[in-house]
Amino acid sequence: MDEIASLLRTFATQQGKALEILKQEEPKELFEHLMLKVLSRTITSRDFEEIGRQASIKGLRKCPSFERIVGILQGWFPP
């Protein structure tokens, strides 16, 4: 886990951003970087399918970014 944290910090530094900002503004790019560095492969649709299977709604509801997306979508598509 320390190796992953180190890779994340290094990538954030290379991008000229704080890691927390990078997580909020460029999560896809951060994830892609990890996949390339840790697993030496690119992301596929199967990866996202697996994430969808394992992600819990309870965990997502605790995530500020997810809540922001939900709010935006609810504004676009009111009940």
Protein backbone atom coordinates (compact mmCIF):
# COMPACT_ATOMS: atom_id res chain seq x y z
CA MET A 1 0.00 0.00 0.00
CA ASP A 2 2.90 2.36 0.68
CA GLU A 3 4.11 1.78 -2.87
CA ILE A 4 0.74 2.85 -4.28
CA ALA A 5 0.63 5.91 -2.03
CA SER A 6 4.11 6.84 -3.19
CA LEU A 7 3.14 6.43 -6.85
CA LEU A 8 0.08 8.63 -6.31
CA ARG A 9 2.10 11.37 -4.61
CA THR A 10 4.75 11.26 -7.34
CA PHE A 11 2.15 11.51 -10.09
CA ALA A 12 0.43 14.41 -8.33
CA THR A 13 3.75 16.22 -8.03
CA GLN A 14 4.46 15.66 -11.72
CA GLN A 15 1.04 17.15 -12.51
CA GLY A 16 1.78 20.14 -10.27
CA LYS A 17 -1.21 19.48 -8.01
CA ALA A 18 -1.90 18.30 -4.50
CA LEU A 19 -2.97 14.67 -4.43
CA GLU A 20 -6.39 15.47 -2.96
CA ILE A 21 -7.03 18.02 -5.72
CA LEU A 22 -5.90 15.54 -8.36
CA LYS A 23 -8.25 12.90 -6.92
CA GLN A 24 -11.16 15.33 -7.26
CA GLU A 25 -10.29 16.91 -10.60
CA GLU A 26 -8.68 14.03 -12.51
CA PRO A 27 -9.67 10.70 -10.95
CA LYS A 28 -9.71 8.89 -14.30
CA GLU A 29 -6.19 9.99 -15.17
CA LEU A 30 -4.97 9.03 -11.70
CA PHE A 31 -6.57 5.59 -12.00
CA GLU A 32 -5.10 5.09 -15.48
CA HIS A 33 -1.66 6.02 -14.18
CA LEU A 34 -1.94 3.48 -11.38
CA MET A 35 -3.08 0.76 -13.76
CA LEU A 36 -0.11 1.40 -16.02
CA LYS A 37 2.47 1.62 -13.21
CA VAL A 38 1.18 -1.13 -10.90
CA LEU A 39 -0.36 -3.62 -13.32
CA SER A 40 1.44 -2.58 -16.50
CA ARG A 41 -1.78 -2.51 -18.50
CA THR A 42 -4.49 -0.17 -19.66
CA ILE A 43 -8.04 0.01 -18.33
CA THR A 44 -10.75 -2.01 -20.03
CA SER A 45 -14.53 -1.99 -19.76
CA ARG A 46 -14.21 -5.21 -17.71
CA ASP A 47 -12.29 -3.26 -15.06
CA PHE A 48 -15.20 -0.86 -14.70
CA GLU A 49 -17.66 -3.76 -14.61
CA GLU A 50 -15.69 -5.27 -11.74
CA ILE A 51 -15.57 -1.96 -9.89
CA GLY A 52 -19.34 -1.70 -10.32
CA ARG A 53 -19.81 -5.17 -8.86
CA GLN A 54 -17.62 -4.48 -5.85
CA ALA A 55 -18.55 -0.88 -5.07
CA SER A 56 -21.12 -0.47 -2.35
CA ILE A 57 -23.78 2.21 -2.53
CA LYS A 58 -23.21 2.94 1.16
CA GLY A 59 -19.54 3.62 0.46
CA LEU A 60 -20.32 5.76 -2.57
CA ARG A 61 -22.81 7.86 -0.61
CA LYS A 62 -19.97 8.82 1.75
CA CYS A 63 -17.90 10.16 -1.16
CA PRO A 64 -18.26 13.94 -1.74
CA SER A 65 -17.48 13.56 -5.46
CA PHE A 66 -20.21 10.97 -5.90
CA GLU A 67 -22.70 13.14 -4.01
CA ARG A 68 -21.82 16.07 -6.28
CA ILE A 69 -22.44 13.93 -9.39
CA VAL A 70 -25.77 12.74 -7.97
CA GLY A 71 -26.80 16.33 -7.31
CA ILE A 72 -25.93 17.41 -10.84
CA LEU A 73 -27.80 14.48 -12.39
CA GLN A 74 -30.84 15.15 -10.21
CA GLY A 75 -30.79 18.76 -11.44
CA TRP A 76 -30.66 17.62 -15.05
CA PHE A 77 -33.31 14.92 -14.62
CA PRO A 78 -35.76 16.02 -11.93
CA PRO A 79 -38.31 13.42 -10.77
